[in-house]
């Protein structure tokens, strides 16, 4: 499975998992980190929650919106 976060971004995702008060970007990276763990029902729920929080914090966070699209992509493909 291809990871959604690679290289330097993966390092950033690990760093922000420890952030005491994450901002919208931190939440976006945390959401992608959950998707990287594998697309399981539990991981998807965690990722969606974090990405939704990122968009609530900053509705203009296009990266978080894109993360939600990645999260939903496997579900849409299963319905085809």
Foldseek 3Di string as FASTA:
>chain_A
DDQPADDPLLVLLVVLVPPPDDALVSLLSVLSVLVRVDLDPVSLVSSLVSLVVSCVRPVPPVSSVVSVVVSCVVVVVVVD
